[in-house]
PDBML (XML) file of the C-alpha atoms, coordinates in Angstrom:
<?xml version="1.0" encoding="UTF-8" ?>
<PDBx:datablock datablockName="MODEL"
   xmlns:PDBx="http://pdbml.pdb.org/schema/pdbx-v50.xsd"
   xmlns:xsi="http://www.w3.org/2001/XMLSchema-instance"
   xsi:schemaLocation="http://pdbml.pdb.org/schema/pdbx-v50.xsd pdbx-v50.xsd">
   <PDBx:atom_siteCategory>
      <PDBx:atom_site id="1">
         <PDBx:B_iso_or_equiv>0.00</PDBx:B_iso_or_equiv>
         <PDBx:Cartn_x>101.874</PDBx:Cartn_x>
         <PDBx:Cartn_y>91.771</PDBx:Cartn_y>
         <PDBx:Cartn_z>104.518</PDBx:Cartn_z>
         <PDBx:auth_asym_id>A</PDBx:auth_asym_id>
         <PDBx:auth_atom_id>CA</PDBx:auth_atom_id>
         <PDBx:auth_comp_id>GLN</PDBx:auth_comp_id>
         <PDBx:auth_seq_id>1</PDBx:auth_seq_id>
         <PDBx:group_PDB>ATOM</PDBx:group_PDB>
         <PDBx:label_alt_id xsi:nil="true" />
         <PDBx:label_asym_id>A</PDBx:label_asym_id>
         <PDBx:label_atom_id>CA</PDBx:label_atom_id>
         <PDBx:label_comp_id>GLN</PDBx:label_comp_id>
         <PDBx:label_entity_id>1</PDBx:label_entity_id>
         <PDBx:label_seq_id>1</PDBx:label_seq_id>
         <PDBx:occupancy>1.00</PDBx:occupancy>
         <PDBx:pdbx_PDB_model_num>1</PDBx:pdbx_PDB_model_num>
         <PDBx:type_symbol>C</PDBx:type_symbol>
      </PDBx:atom_site>
      <PDBx:atom_site id="2">
         <PDBx:B_iso_or_equiv>0.00</PDBx:B_iso_or_equiv>
         <PDBx:Cartn_x>104.806</PDBx:Cartn_x>
         <PDBx:Cartn_y>93.226</PDBx:Cartn_y>
         <PDBx:Cartn_z>106.413</PDBx:Cartn_z>
         <PDBx:auth_asym_id>A</PDBx:auth_asym_id>
         <PDBx:auth_atom_id>CA</PDBx:auth_atom_id>
         <PDBx:auth_comp_id>LEU</PDBx:auth_comp_id>
         <PDBx:auth_seq_id>2</PDBx:auth_seq_id>
         <PDBx:group_PDB>ATOM</PDBx:group_PDB>
         <PDBx:label_alt_id xsi:nil="true" />
         <PDBx:label_asym_id>A</PDBx:label_asym_id>
         <PDBx:label_atom_id>CA</PDBx:label_atom_id>
         <PDBx:label_comp_id>LEU</PDBx:label_comp_id>
         <PDBx:label_entity_id>1</PDBx:label_entity_id>
         <PDBx:label_seq_id>2</PDBx:label_seq_id>
         <PDBx:occupancy>1.00</PDBx:occupancy>
         <PDBx:pdbx_PDB_model_num>1</PDBx:pdbx_PDB_model_num>
         <PDBx:type_symbol>C</PDBx:type_symbol>
      </PDBx:atom_site>
      <PDBx:atom_site id="3">
         <PDBx:B_iso_or_equiv>0.00</PDBx:B_iso_or_equiv>
         <PDBx:Cartn_x>108.343</PDBx:Cartn_x>
         <PDBx:Cartn_y>91.929</PDBx:Cartn_y>
         <PDBx:Cartn_z>105.992</PDBx:Cartn_z>
         <PDBx:auth_asym_id>A</PDBx:auth_asym_id>
         <PDBx:auth_atom_id>CA</PDBx:auth_atom_id>
         <PDBx:auth_comp_id>VAL</PDBx:auth_comp_id>
         <PDBx:auth_seq_id>3</PDBx:auth_seq_id>
         <PDBx:group_PDB>ATOM</PDBx:group_PDB>
         <PDBx:label_alt_id xsi:nil="true" />
         <PDBx:label_asym_id>A</PDBx:label_asym_id>
         <PDBx:label_atom_id>CA</PDBx:label_atom_id>
         <PDBx:label_comp_id>VAL</PDBx:label_comp_id>
         <PDBx:label_entity_id>1</PDBx:label_entity_id>
         <PDBx:label_seq_id>3</PDBx:label_seq_id>
         <PDBx:occupancy>1.00</PDBx:occupancy>
         <PDBx:pdbx_PDB_model_num>1</PDBx:pdbx_PDB_model_num>
         <PDBx:type_symbol>C</PDBx:type_symbol>
      </PDBx:atom_site>
      <PDBx:atom_site id="4">
         <PDBx:B_iso_or_equiv>0.00</PDBx:B_iso_or_equiv>
         <PDBx:Cartn_x>111.040</PDBx:Cartn_x>
         <PDBx:Cartn_y>93.135</PDBx:Cartn_y>
         <PDBx:Cartn_z>108.364</PDBx:Cartn_z>
         <PDBx:auth_asym_id>A</PDBx:auth_asym_id>
         <PDBx:auth_atom_id>CA</PDBx:auth_atom_id>
         <PDBx:auth_comp_id>GLU</PDBx:auth_comp_id>
         <PDBx:auth_seq_id>4</PDBx:auth_seq_id>
         <PDBx:group_PDB>ATOM</PDBx:group_PDB>
         <PDBx:label_alt_id xsi:nil="true" />
         <PDBx:label_asym_id>A</PDBx:label_asym_id>
         <PDBx:label_atom_id>CA</PDBx:label_atom_id>
         <PDBx:label_comp_id>GLU</PDBx:label_comp_id>
         <PDBx:label_entity_id>1</PDBx:label_entity_id>
         <PDBx:label_seq_id>4</PDBx:label_seq_id>
         <PDBx:occupancy>1.00</PDBx:occupancy>
         <PDBx:pdbx_PDB_model_num>1</PDBx:pdbx_PDB_model_num>
         <PDBx:type_symbol>C</PDBx:type_symbol>
      </PDBx:atom_site>
      <PDBx:atom_site id="5">
         <PDBx:B_iso_or_equiv>0.00</PDBx:B_iso_or_equiv>
         <PDBx:Cartn_x>114.800</PDBx:Cartn_x>
         <PDBx:Cartn_y>93.122</PDBx:Cartn_y>
         <PDBx:Cartn_z>108.233</PDBx:Cartn_z>
         <PDBx:auth_asym_id>A</PDBx:auth_asym_id>
         <PDBx:auth_atom_id>CA</PDBx:auth_atom_id>
         <PDBx:auth_comp_id>SER</PDBx:auth_comp_id>
         <PDBx:auth_seq_id>5</PDBx:auth_seq_id>
         <PDBx:group_PDB>ATOM</PDBx:group_PDB>
         <PDBx:label_alt_id xsi:nil="true" />
         <PDBx:label_asym_id>A</PDBx:label_asym_id>
         <PDBx:label_atom_id>CA</PDBx:label_atom_id>
         <PDBx:label_comp_id>SER</PDBx:label_comp_id>
         <PDBx:label_entity_id>1</PDBx:label_entity_id>
         <PDBx:label_seq_id>5</PDBx:label_seq_id>
         <PDBx:occupancy>1.00</PDBx:occupancy>
         <PDBx:pdbx_PDB_model_num>1</PDBx:pdbx_PDB_model_num>
         <PDBx:type_symbol>C</PDBx:type_symbol>
      </PDBx:atom_site>
      <PDBx:atom_site id="6">
         <PDBx:B_iso_or_equiv>0.00</PDBx:B_iso_or_equiv>
         <PDBx:Cartn_x>117.799</PDBx:Cartn_x>
         <PDBx:Cartn_y>94.725</PDBx:Cartn_y>
         <PDBx:Cartn_z>109.887</PDBx:Cartn_z>
         <PDBx:auth_asym_id>A</PDBx:auth_asym_id>
         <PDBx:auth_atom_id>CA</PDBx:auth_atom_id>
         <PDBx:auth_comp_id>GLY</PDBx:auth_comp_id>
         <PDBx:auth_seq_id>6</PDBx:auth_seq_id>
         <PDBx:group_PDB>ATOM</PDBx:group_PDB>
         <PDBx:label_alt_id xsi:nil="true" />
         <PDBx:label_asym_id>A</PDBx:label_asym_id>
         <PDBx:label_atom_id>CA</PDBx:label_atom_id>
         <PDBx:label_comp_id>GLY</PDBx:label_comp_id>
         <PDBx:label_entity_id>1</PDBx:label_entity_id>
         <PDBx:label_seq_id>6</PDBx:label_seq_id>
         <PDBx:occupancy>1.00</PDBx:occupancy>
         <PDBx:pdbx_PDB_model_num>1</PDBx:pdbx_PDB_model_num>
         <PDBx:type_symbol>C</PDBx:type_symbol>
      </PDBx:atom_site>
      <PDBx:atom_site id="7">
         <PDBx:B_iso_or_equiv>0.00</PDBx:B_iso_or_equiv>
         <PDBx:Cartn_x>117.948</PDBx:Cartn_x>
         <PDBx:Cartn_y>93.198</PDBx:Cartn_y>
         <PDBx:Cartn_z>113.336</PDBx:Cartn_z>
         <PDBx:auth_asym_id>A</PDBx:auth_asym_id>
         <PDBx:auth_atom_id>CA</PDBx:auth_atom_id>
         <PDBx:auth_comp_id>GLY</PDBx:auth_comp_id>
         <PDBx:auth_seq_id>7</PDBx:auth_seq_id>
         <PDBx:group_PDB>ATOM</PDBx:group_PDB>
         <PDBx:label_alt_id xsi:nil="true" />
         <PDBx:label_asym_id>A</PDBx:label_asym_id>
         <PDBx:label_atom_id>CA</PDBx:label_atom_id>
         <PDBx:label_comp_id>GLY</PDBx:label_comp_id>
         <PDBx:label_entity_id>1</PDBx:label_entity_id>
         <PDBx:label_seq_id>7</PDBx:label_seq_id>
         <PDBx:occupancy>1.00</PDBx:occupancy>
         <PDBx:pdbx_PDB_model_num>1</PDBx:pdbx_PDB_model_num>
         <PDBx:type_symbol>C</PDBx:type_symbol>
      </PDBx:atom_site>
      <PDBx:atom_site id="8">
         <PDBx:B_iso_or_equiv>0.00</PDBx:B_iso_or_equiv>
         <PDBx:Cartn_x>121.090</PDBx:Cartn_x>
         <PDBx:Cartn_y>91.812</PDBx:Cartn_y>
         <PDBx:Cartn_z>114.829</PDBx:Cartn_z>
         <PDBx:auth_asym_id>A</PDBx:auth_asym_id>
         <PDBx:auth_atom_id>CA</PDBx:auth_atom_id>
         <PDBx:auth_comp_id>GLY</PDBx:auth_comp_id>
         <PDBx:auth_seq_id>8</PDBx:auth_seq_id>
         <PDBx:group_PDB>ATOM</PDBx:group_PDB>
         <PDBx:label_alt_id xsi:nil="true" />
         <PDBx:label_asym_id>A</PDBx:label_asym_id>
         <PDBx:label_atom_id>CA</PDBx:label_atom_id>
         <PDBx:label_comp_id>GLY</PDBx:label_comp_id>
         <PDBx:label_entity_id>1</PDBx:label_entity_id>
         <PDBx:label_seq_id>8</PDBx:label_seq_id>
         <PDBx:occupancy>1.00</PDBx:occupancy>
         <PDBx:pdbx_PDB_model_num>1</PDBx:pdbx_PDB_model_num>
         <PDBx:type_symbol>C</PDBx:type_symbol>
      </PDBx:atom_site>
      <PDBx:atom_site id="9">
         <PDBx:B_iso_or_equiv>0.00</PDBx:B_iso_or_equiv>
         <PDBx:Cartn_x>123.665</PDBx:Cartn_x>
         <PDBx:Cartn_y>91.997</PDBx:Cartn_y>
         <PDBx:Cartn_z>117.572</PDBx:Cartn_z>
         <PDBx:auth_asym_id>A</PDBx:auth_asym_id>
         <PDBx:auth_atom_id>CA</PDBx:auth_atom_id>
         <PDBx:auth_comp_id>LEU</PDBx:auth_comp_id>
         <PDBx:auth_seq_id>9</PDBx:auth_seq_id>
         <PDBx:group_PDB>ATOM</PDBx:group_PDB>
         <PDBx:label_alt_id xsi:nil="true" />
         <PDBx:label_asym_id>A</PDBx:label_asym_id>
         <PDBx:label_atom_id>CA</PDBx:label_atom_id>
         <PDBx:label_comp_id>LEU</PDBx:label_comp_id>
         <PDBx:label_entity_id>1</PDBx:label_entity_id>
         <PDBx:label_seq_id>9</PDBx:label_seq_id>
         <PDBx:occupancy>1.00</PDBx:occupancy>
         <PDBx:pdbx_PDB_model_num>1</PDBx:pdbx_PDB_model_num>
         <PDBx:type_symbol>C</PDBx:type_symbol>
      </PDBx:atom_site>
      <PDBx:atom_site id="10">
         <PDBx:B_iso_or_equiv>0.00</PDBx:B_iso_or_equiv>
         <PDBx:Cartn_x>125.183</PDBx:Cartn_x>
         <PDBx:Cartn_y>95.359</PDBx:Cartn_y>
         <PDBx:Cartn_z>118.382</PDBx:Cartn_z>
         <PDBx:auth_asym_id>A</PDBx:auth_asym_id>
         <PDBx:auth_atom_id>CA</PDBx:auth_atom_id>
         <PDBx:auth_comp_id>VAL</PDBx:auth_comp_id>
         <PDBx:auth_seq_id>10</PDBx:auth_seq_id>
         <PDBx:group_PDB>ATOM</PDBx:group_PDB>
         <PDBx:label_alt_id xsi:nil="true" />
         <PDBx:label_asym_id>A</PDBx:label_asym_id>
         <PDBx:label_atom_id>CA</PDBx:label_atom_id>
         <PDBx:label_comp_id>VAL</PDBx:label_comp_id>
         <PDBx:label_entity_id>1</PDBx:label_entity_id>
         <PDBx:label_seq_id>10</PDBx:label_seq_id>
         <PDBx:occupancy>1.00</PDBx:occupancy>
         <PDBx:pdbx_PDB_model_num>1</PDBx:pdbx_PDB_model_num>
         <PDBx:type_symbol>C</PDBx:type_symbol>
      </PDBx:atom_site>
      <PDBx:atom_site id="11">
         <PDBx:B_iso_or_equiv>0.00</PDBx:B_iso_or_equiv>
         <PDBx:Cartn_x>127.297</PDBx:Cartn_x>
         <PDBx:Cartn_y>96.773</PDBx:Cartn_y>
         <PDBx:Cartn_z>121.190</PDBx:Cartn_z>
         <PDBx:auth_asym_id>A</PDBx:auth_asym_id>
         <PDBx:auth_atom_id>CA</PDBx:auth_atom_id>
         <PDBx:auth_comp_id>GLN</PDBx:auth_comp_id>
         <PDBx:auth_seq_id>11</PDBx:auth_seq_id>
         <PDBx:group_PDB>ATOM</PDBx:group_PDB>
         <PDBx:label_alt_id xsi:nil="true" />
         <PDBx:label_asym_id>A</PDBx:label_asym_id>
         <PDBx:label_atom_id>CA</PDBx:label_atom_id>
         <PDBx:label_comp_id>GLN</PDBx:label_comp_id>
         <PDBx:label_entity_id>1</PDBx:label_entity_id>
         <PDBx:label_seq_id>11</PDBx:label_seq_id>
         <PDBx:occupancy>1.00</PDBx:occupancy>
         <PDBx:pdbx_PDB_model_num>1</PDBx:pdbx_PDB_model_num>
         <PDBx:type_symbol>C</PDBx:type_symbol>
      </PDBx:atom_site>
      <PDBx:atom_site id="12">
         <PDBx:B_iso_or_equiv>0.00</PDBx:B_iso_or_equiv>
         <PDBx:Cartn_x>125.953</PDBx:Cartn_x>
         <PDBx:Cartn_y>99.422</PDBx:Cartn_y>
         <PDBx:Cartn_z>123.540</PDBx:Cartn_z>
         <PDBx:auth_asym_id>A</PDBx:auth_asym_id>
         <PDBx:auth_atom_id>CA</PDBx:auth_atom_id>
         <PDBx:auth_comp_id>PRO</PDBx:auth_comp_id>
         <PDBx:auth_seq_id>12</PDBx:auth_seq_id>
         <PDBx:group_PDB>ATOM</PDBx:group_PDB>
         <PDBx:label_alt_id xsi:nil="true" />
         <PDBx:label_asym_id>A</PDBx:label_asym_id>
         <PDBx:label_atom_id>CA</PDBx:label_atom_id>
         <PDBx:label_comp_id>PRO</PDBx:label_comp_id>
         <PDBx:label_entity_id>1</PDBx:label_entity_id>
         <PDBx:label_seq_id>12</PDBx:label_seq_id>
         <PDBx:occupancy>1.00</PDBx:occupancy>
         <PDBx:pdbx_PDB_model_num>1</PDBx:pdbx_PDB_model_num>
         <PDBx:type_symbol>C</PDBx:type_symbol>
      </PDBx:atom_site>
      <PDBx:atom_site id="13">
         <PDBx:B_iso_or_equiv>0.00</PDBx:B_iso_or_equiv>
         <PDBx:Cartn_x>126.185</PDBx:Cartn_x>
         <PDBx:Cartn_y>102.819</PDBx:Cartn_y>
         <PDBx:Cartn_z>121.897</PDBx:Cartn_z>
         <PDBx:auth_asym_id>A</PDBx:auth_asym_id>
         <PDBx:auth_atom_id>CA</PDBx:auth_atom_id>
         <PDBx:auth_comp_id>GLY</PDBx:auth_comp_id>
         <PDBx:auth_seq_id>13</PDBx:auth_seq_id>
         <PDBx:group_PDB>ATOM</PDBx:group_PDB>
         <PDBx:label_alt_id xsi:nil="true" />
         <PDBx:label_asym_id>A</PDBx:label_asym_id>
         <PDBx:label_atom_id>CA</PDBx:label_atom_id>
         <PDBx:label_comp_id>GLY</PDBx:label_comp_id>
         <PDBx:label_entity_id>1</PDBx:label_entity_id>
         <PDBx:label_seq_id>13</PDBx:label_seq_id>
         <PDBx:occupancy>1.00</PDBx:occupancy>
         <PDBx:pdbx_PDB_model_num>1</PDBx:pdbx_PDB_model_num>
         <PDBx:type_symbol>C</PDBx:type_symbol>
      </PDBx:atom_site>
      <PDBx:atom_site id="14">
         <PDBx:B_iso_or_equiv>0.00</PDBx:B_iso_or_equiv>
         <PDBx:Cartn_x>125.910</PDBx:Cartn_x>
         <PDBx:Cartn_y>101.330</PDBx:Cartn_y>
         <PDBx:Cartn_z>118.440</PDBx:Cartn_z>
         <PDBx:auth_asym_id>A</PDBx:auth_asym_id>
         <PDBx:auth_atom_id>CA</PDBx:auth_atom_id>
         <PDBx:auth_comp_id>GLY</PDBx:auth_comp_id>
         <PDBx:auth_seq_id>14</PDBx:auth_seq_id>
         <PDBx:group_PDB>ATOM</PDBx:group_PDB>
         <PDBx:label_alt_id xsi:nil="true" />
         <PDBx:label_asym_id>A</PDBx:label_asym_id>
         <PDBx:label_atom_id>CA</PDBx:label_atom_id>
         <PDBx:label_comp_id>GLY</PDBx:label_comp_id>
         <PDBx:label_entity_id>1</PDBx:label_entity_id>
         <PDBx:label_seq_id>14</PDBx:label_seq_id>
         <PDBx:occupancy>1.00</PDBx:occupancy>
         <PDBx:pdbx_PDB_model_num>1</PDBx:pdbx_PDB_model_num>
         <PDBx:type_symbol>C</PDBx:type_symbol>
      </PDBx:atom_site>
      <PDBx:atom_site id="15">
         <PDBx:B_iso_or_equiv>0.00</PDBx:B_iso_or_equiv>
         <PDBx:Cartn_x>123.274</PDBx:Cartn_x>
         <PDBx:Cartn_y>101.769</PDBx:Cartn_y>
         <PDBx:Cartn_z>115.777</PDBx:Cartn_z>
         <PDBx:auth_asym_id>A</PDBx:auth_asym_id>
         <PDBx:auth_atom_id>CA</PDBx:auth_atom_id>
         <PDBx:auth_comp_id>SER</PDBx:auth_comp_id>
         <PDBx:auth_seq_id>15</PDBx:auth_seq_id>
         <PDBx:group_PDB>ATOM</PDBx:group_PDB>
         <PDBx:label_alt_id xsi:nil="true" />
         <PDBx:label_asym_id>A</PDBx:label_asym_id>
         <PDBx:label_atom_id>CA</PDBx:label_atom_id>
         <PDBx:label_comp_id>SER</PDBx:label_comp_id>
         <PDBx:label_entity_id>1</PDBx:label_entity_id>
         <PDBx:label_seq_id>15</PDBx:label_seq_id>
         <PDBx:occupancy>1.00</PDBx:occupancy>
         <PDBx:pdbx_PDB_model_num>1</PDBx:pdbx_PDB_model_num>
         <PDBx:type_symbol>C</PDBx:type_symbol>
      </PDBx:atom_site>
      <PDBx:atom_site id="16">
         <PDBx:B_iso_or_equiv>0.00</PDBx:B_iso_or_equiv>
         <PDBx:Cartn_x>120.926</PDBx:Cartn_x>
         <PDBx:Cartn_y>99.661</PDBx:Cartn_y>
         <PDBx:Cartn_z>113.717</PDBx:Cartn_z>
         <PDBx:auth_asym_id>A</PDBx:auth_asym_id>
         <PDBx:auth_atom_id>CA</PDBx:auth_atom_id>
         <PDBx:auth_comp_id>LEU</PDBx:auth_comp_id>
         <PDBx:auth_seq_id>16</PDBx:auth_seq_id>
         <PDBx:group_PDB>ATOM</PDBx:group_PDB>
         <PDBx:label_alt_id xsi:nil="true" />
         <PDBx:label_asym_id>A</PDBx:label_asym_id>
         <PDBx:label_atom_id>CA</PDBx:label_atom_id>
         <PDBx:label_comp_id>LEU</PDBx:label_comp_id>
         <PDBx:label_entity_id>1</PDBx:label_entity_id>
         <PDBx:label_seq_id>16</PDBx:label_seq_id>
         <PDBx:occupancy>1.00</PDBx:occupancy>
         <PDBx:pdbx_PDB_model_num>1</PDBx:pdbx_PDB_model_num>
         <PDBx:type_symbol>C</PDBx:type_symbol>
      </PDBx:atom_site>
      <PDBx:atom_site id="17">
         <PDBx:B_iso_or_equiv>0.00</PDBx:B_iso_or_equiv>
         <PDBx:Cartn_x>118.385</PDBx:Cartn_x>
         <PDBx:Cartn_y>100.445</PDBx:Cartn_y>
         <PDBx:Cartn_z>111.042</PDBx:Cartn_z>
         <PDBx:auth_asym_id>A</PDBx:auth_asym_id>
         <PDBx:auth_atom_id>CA</PDBx:auth_atom_id>
         <PDBx:auth_comp_id>ARG</PDBx:auth_comp_id>
         <PDBx:auth_seq_id>17</PDBx:auth_seq_id>
         <PDBx:group_PDB>ATOM</PDBx:group_PDB>
         <PDBx:label_alt_id xsi:nil="true" />
         <PDBx:label_asym_id>A</PDBx:label_asym_id>
         <PDBx:label_atom_id>CA</PDBx:label_atom_id>
         <PDBx:label_comp_id>ARG</PDBx:label_comp_id>
         <PDBx:label_entity_id>1</PDBx:label_entity_id>
         <PDBx:label_seq_id>17</PDBx:label_seq_id>
         <PDBx:occupancy>1.00</PDBx:occupancy>
         <PDBx:pdbx_PDB_model_num>1</PDBx:pdbx_PDB_model_num>
         <PDBx:type_symbol>C</PDBx:type_symbol>
      </PDBx:atom_site>
      <PDBx:atom_site id="18">
         <PDBx:B_iso_or_equiv>0.00</PDBx:B_iso_or_equiv>
         <PDBx:Cartn_x>115.280</PDBx:Cartn_x>
         <PDBx:Cartn_y>98.311</PDBx:Cartn_y>
         <PDBx:Cartn_z>110.812</PDBx:Cartn_z>
         <PDBx:auth_asym_id>A</PDBx:auth_asym_id>
         <PDBx:auth_atom_id>CA</PDBx:auth_atom_id>
         <PDBx:auth_comp_id>LEU</PDBx:auth_comp_id>
         <PDBx:auth_seq_id>18</PDBx:auth_seq_id>
         <PDBx:group_PDB>ATOM</PDBx:group_PDB>
         <PDBx:label_alt_id xsi:nil="true" />
         <PDBx:label_asym_id>A</PDBx:label_asym_id>
         <PDBx:label_atom_id>CA</PDBx:label_atom_id>
         <PDBx:label_comp_id>LEU</PDBx:label_comp_id>
         <PDBx:label_entity_id>1</PDBx:label_entity_id>
         <PDBx:label_seq_id>18</PDBx:label_seq_id>
         <PDBx:occupancy>1.00</PDBx:occupancy>
         <PDBx:pdbx_PDB_model_num>1</PDBx:pdbx_PDB_model_num>
         <PDBx:type_symbol>C</PDBx:type_symbol>
      </PDBx:atom_site>
      <PDBx:atom_site id="19">
         <PDBx:B_iso_or_equiv>0.00</PDBx:B_iso_or_equiv>
         <PDBx:Cartn_x>113.296</PDBx:Cartn_x>
         <PDBx:Cartn_y>98.140</PDBx:Cartn_y>
         <PDBx:Cartn_z>107.599</PDBx:Cartn_z>
         <PDBx:auth_asym_id>A</PDBx:auth_asym_id>
         <PDBx:auth_atom_id>CA</PDBx:auth_atom_id>
         <PDBx:auth_comp_id>SER</PDBx:auth_comp_id>
         <PDBx:auth_seq_id>19</PDBx:auth_seq_id>
         <PDBx:group_PDB>ATOM</PDBx:group_PDB>
         <PDBx:label_alt_id xsi:nil="true" />
         <PDBx:label_asym_id>A</PDBx:label_asym_id>
         <PDBx:label_atom_id>CA</PDBx:label_atom_id>
         <PDBx:label_comp_id>SER</PDBx:label_comp_id>
         <PDBx:label_entity_id>1</PDBx:label_entity_id>
         <PDBx:label_seq_id>19</PDBx:label_seq_id>
         <PDBx:occupancy>1.00</PDBx:occupancy>
         <PDBx:pdbx_PDB_model_num>1</PDBx:pdbx_PDB_model_num>
         <PDBx:type_symbol>C</PDBx:type_symbol>
      </PDBx:atom_site>
      <PDBx:atom_site id="20">
         <PDBx:B_iso_or_equiv>0.00</PDBx:B_iso_or_equiv>
         <PDBx:Cartn_x>109.750</PDBx:Cartn_x>
         <PDBx:Cartn_y>97.039</PDBx:Cartn_y>
         <PDBx:Cartn_z>106.935</PDBx:Cartn_z>
         <PDBx:auth_asym_id>A</PDBx:auth_asym_id>
         <PDBx:auth_atom_id>CA</PDBx:auth_atom_id>
         <PDBx:auth_comp_id>CYS</PDBx:auth_comp_id>
         <PDBx:auth_seq_id>20</PDBx:auth_seq_id>
         <PDBx:group_PDB>ATOM</PDBx:group_PDB>
         <PDBx:label_alt_id xsi:nil="true" />
         <PDBx:label_asym_id>A</PDBx:label_asym_id>
         <PDBx:label_atom_id>CA</PDBx:label_atom_id>
         <PDBx:label_comp_id>CYS</PDBx:label_comp_id>
         <PDBx:label_entity_id>1</PDBx:label_entity_id>
         <PDBx:label_seq_id>20</PDBx:label_seq_id>
         <PDBx:occupancy>1.00</PDBx:occupancy>
         <PDBx:pdbx_PDB_model_num>1</PDBx:pdbx_PDB_model_num>
         <PDBx:type_symbol>C</PDBx:type_symbol>
      </PDBx:atom_site>
      <PDBx:atom_site id="21">
         <PDBx:B_iso_or_equiv>0.00</PDBx:B_iso_or_equiv>
         <PDBx:Cartn_x>108.251</PDBx:Cartn_x>
         <PDBx:Cartn_y>96.532</PDBx:Cartn_y>
         <PDBx:Cartn_z>103.502</PDBx:Cartn_z>
         <PDBx:auth_asym_id>A</PDBx:auth_asym_id>
         <PDBx:auth_atom_id>CA</PDBx:auth_atom_id>
         <PDBx:auth_comp_id>ALA</PDBx:auth_comp_id>
         <PDBx:auth_seq_id>21</PDBx:auth_seq_id>
         <PDBx:group_PDB>ATOM</PDBx:group_PDB>
         <PDBx:label_alt_id xsi:nil="true" />
         <PDBx:label_asym_id>A</PDBx:label_asym_id>
         <PDBx:label_atom_id>CA</PDBx:label_atom_id>
         <PDBx:label_comp_id>ALA</PDBx:label_comp_id>
         <PDBx:label_entity_id>1</PDBx:label_entity_id>
         <PDBx:label_seq_id>21</PDBx:label_seq_id>
         <PDBx:occupancy>1.00</PDBx:occupancy>
         <PDBx:pdbx_PDB_model_num>1</PDBx:pdbx_PDB_model_num>
         <PDBx:type_symbol>C</PDBx:type_symbol>
      </PDBx:atom_site>
      <PDBx:atom_site id="22">
         <PDBx:B_iso_or_equiv>0.00</PDBx:B_iso_or_equiv>
         <PDBx:Cartn_x>104.488</PDBx:Cartn_x>
         <PDBx:Cartn_y>96.580</PDBx:Cartn_y>
         <PDBx:Cartn_z>103.136</PDBx:Cartn_z>
         <PDBx:auth_asym_id>A</PDBx:auth_asym_id>
         <PDBx:auth_atom_id>CA</PDBx:auth_atom_id>
         <PDBx:auth_comp_id>ALA</PDBx:auth_comp_id>
         <PDBx:auth_seq_id>22</PDBx:auth_seq_id>
         <PDBx:group_PDB>ATOM</PDBx:group_PDB>
         <PDBx:label_alt_id xsi:nil="true" />
         <PDBx:label_asym_id>A</PDBx:label_asym_id>
         <PDBx:label_atom_id>CA</PDBx:label_atom_id>
         <PDBx:label_comp_id>ALA</PDBx:label_comp_id>
         <PDBx:label_entity_id>1</PDBx:label_entity_id>
         <PDBx:label_seq_id>22</PDBx:label_seq_id>
         <PDBx:occupancy>1.00</PDBx:occupancy>
         <PDBx:pdbx_PDB_model_num>1</PDBx:pdbx_PDB_model_num>
         <PDBx:type_symbol>C</PDBx:type_symbol>
      </PDBx:atom_site>
      <PDBx:atom_site id="23">
         <PDBx:B_iso_or_equiv>0.00</PDBx:B_iso_or_equiv>
         <PDBx:Cartn_x>102.726</PDBx:Cartn_x>
         <PDBx:Cartn_y>94.791</PDBx:Cartn_y>
         <PDBx:Cartn_z>100.325</PDBx:Cartn_z>
         <PDBx:auth_asym_id>A</PDBx:auth_asym_id>
         <PDBx:auth_atom_id>CA</PDBx:auth_atom_id>
         <PDBx:auth_comp_id>SER</PDBx:auth_comp_id>
         <PDBx:auth_seq_id>23</PDBx:auth_seq_id>
         <PDBx:group_PDB>ATOM</PDBx:group_PDB>
         <PDBx:label_alt_id xsi:nil="true" />
         <PDBx:label_asym_id>A</PDBx:label_asym_id>
         <PDBx:label_atom_id>CA</PDBx:label_atom_id>
         <PDBx:label_comp_id>SER</PDBx:label_comp_id>
         <PDBx:label_entity_id>1</PDBx:label_entity_id>
         <PDBx:label_seq_id>23</PDBx:label_seq_id>
         <PDBx:occupancy>1.00</PDBx:occupancy>
         <PDBx:pdbx_PDB_model_num>1</PDBx:pdbx_PDB_model_num>
         <PDBx:type_symbol>C</PDBx:type_symbol>
      </PDBx:atom_site>
      <PDBx:atom_site id="24">
         <PDBx:B_iso_or_equiv>0.00</PDBx:B_iso_or_equiv>
         <PDBx:Cartn_x>99.217</PDBx:Cartn_x>
         <PDBx:Cartn_y>93.862</PDBx:Cartn_y>
         <PDBx:Cartn_z>99.360</PDBx:Cartn_z>
         <PDBx:auth_asym_id>A</PDBx:auth_asym_id>
         <PDBx:auth_atom_id>CA</PDBx:auth_atom_id>
         <PDBx:auth_comp_id>GLY</PDBx:auth_comp_id>
         <PDBx:auth_seq_id>24</PDBx:auth_seq_id>
         <PDBx:group_PDB>ATOM</PDBx:group_PDB>
         <PDBx:label_alt_id xsi:nil="true" />
         <PDBx:label_asym_id>A</PDBx:label_asym_id>
         <PDBx:label_atom_id>CA</PDBx:label_atom_id>
         <PDBx:label_comp_id>GLY</PDBx:label_comp_id>
         <PDBx:label_entity_id>1</PDBx:label_entity_id>
         <PDBx:label_seq_id>24</PDBx:label_seq_id>
         <PDBx:occupancy>1.00</PDBx:occupancy>
         <PDBx:pdbx_PDB_model_num>1</PDBx:pdbx_PDB_model_num>
         <PDBx:type_symbol>C</PDBx:type_symbol>
      </PDBx:atom_site>
   </PDBx:atom_siteCategory>
</PDBx:datablock>
């Protein structure tokens, strides 16, 4: 199972960090 987080709204030039946790 993969569970993601970290998405959202950001302005051009900005940054985001997505995370994914694996289990099972």
